Amino acid sequence: MTGGPERPRLRYLTVAEVAETMRVSKMTVYRLVHNGELPAVRVGRSFRVPQDALDAYLAASSVDRDRMTS
C-alpha cells in the first residue's frame, strides 16, 4: 500500500468494559454516551467506546489533589 507511517490499531471497548474500568453502572456509561460526554460508535444496536476516548475522558475528569485540600 503506502509507505507512510503505520497507525496503531484503535481498541474499542463495550459499555460493560467501560463500566467495569470506571467502576460505575452500565446505565451511567450510557448516560455519558447519550449526553455526548463520552464519544462512542454505534455498532448495530450497541455502542463501542474508543480506548483513547475513555483515557482522555478520565484524564480530563481527574481531580487535582491540591484543589481538594484548599
Protein backbone atom coordinates (compact mmCIF):
# COMPACT_ATOMS: atom_id res chain seq x y z
CA MET A 1 0.00 0.00 0.00
CA THR A 2 1.54 3.33 1.04
CA GLY A 3 4.96 3.79 2.55
CA GLY A 4 3.76 6.20 5.24
CA PRO A 5 3.90 5.60 8.98
CA GLU A 6 1.59 2.89 10.22
CA ARG A 7 -1.13 4.00 12.63
CA PRO A 8 -1.72 1.82 15.68
CA ARG A 9 -4.99 -0.08 15.71
CA LEU A 10 -7.66 1.58 17.79
CA ARG A 11 -9.18 -0.59 20.51
CA TYR A 12 -12.91 -0.35 21.11
CA LEU A 13 -14.50 -1.21 24.46
CA THR A 14 -18.01 -2.41 25.19
CA VAL A 15 -20.23 -0.48 27.57
CA ALA A 16 -19.73 -3.25 30.13
CA GLU A 17 -15.92 -2.96 29.83
CA VAL A 18 -16.08 0.82 30.27
CA ALA A 19 -18.37 0.45 33.28
CA GLU A 20 -16.00 -2.09 34.85
CA THR A 21 -12.97 0.13 34.21
CA MET A 22 -14.69 3.18 35.71
CA ARG A 23 -16.41 1.13 38.45
CA VAL A 24 -19.80 2.57 37.62
CA SER A 25 -23.02 1.05 36.30
CA LYS A 26 -23.65 0.44 32.62
CA MET A 27 -26.50 2.96 32.84
CA THR A 28 -24.01 5.64 33.88
CA VAL A 29 -21.90 4.87 30.81
CA TYR A 30 -24.99 5.01 28.58
CA ARG A 31 -25.85 8.42 30.08
CA LEU A 32 -22.35 9.71 29.36
CA VAL A 33 -22.60 8.48 25.77
CA HIS A 34 -26.09 9.89 25.17
CA ASN A 35 -25.14 13.25 26.72
CA GLY A 36 -22.13 13.45 24.40
CA GLU A 37 -19.64 13.49 27.28
CA LEU A 38 -18.06 10.19 26.18
CA PRO A 39 -17.62 9.61 22.44
CA ALA A 40 -18.87 6.27 21.13
CA VAL A 41 -19.55 4.47 17.89
CA ARG A 42 -22.82 2.70 17.30
CA VAL A 43 -22.45 -0.88 16.05
CA GLY A 44 -25.86 -2.33 15.31
CA ARG A 45 -27.85 -1.85 18.50
CA SER A 46 -24.84 -1.48 20.79
CA PHE A 47 -22.15 1.10 21.45
CA ARG A 48 -18.38 0.83 21.40
CA VAL A 49 -16.15 3.39 23.10
CA PRO A 50 -12.66 4.00 21.70
CA GLN A 51 -9.99 3.29 24.33
CA ASP A 52 -8.30 6.64 23.67
CA ALA A 53 -11.63 8.46 24.19
CA LEU A 54 -12.05 6.78 27.57
CA ASP A 55 -8.45 7.62 28.51
CA ALA A 56 -8.99 11.26 27.53
CA TYR A 57 -12.28 11.45 29.45
CA LEU A 58 -10.69 10.05 32.59
CA ALA A 59 -7.66 12.34 32.28
CA ALA A 60 -9.91 15.39 31.87
CA SER A 61 -12.10 14.29 34.78
CA SER A 62 -9.30 13.57 37.23
CA VAL A 63 -9.32 15.64 40.39
CA ASP A 64 -6.27 17.65 41.38
CA ARG A 65 -5.39 16.74 44.99
CA ASP A 66 -4.10 20.27 45.69
CA ARG A 67 -7.53 21.71 44.88
CA MET A 68 -9.23 19.26 47.24
CA THR A 69 -7.14 20.38 50.24
CA SER A 70 -7.53 24.11 49.59
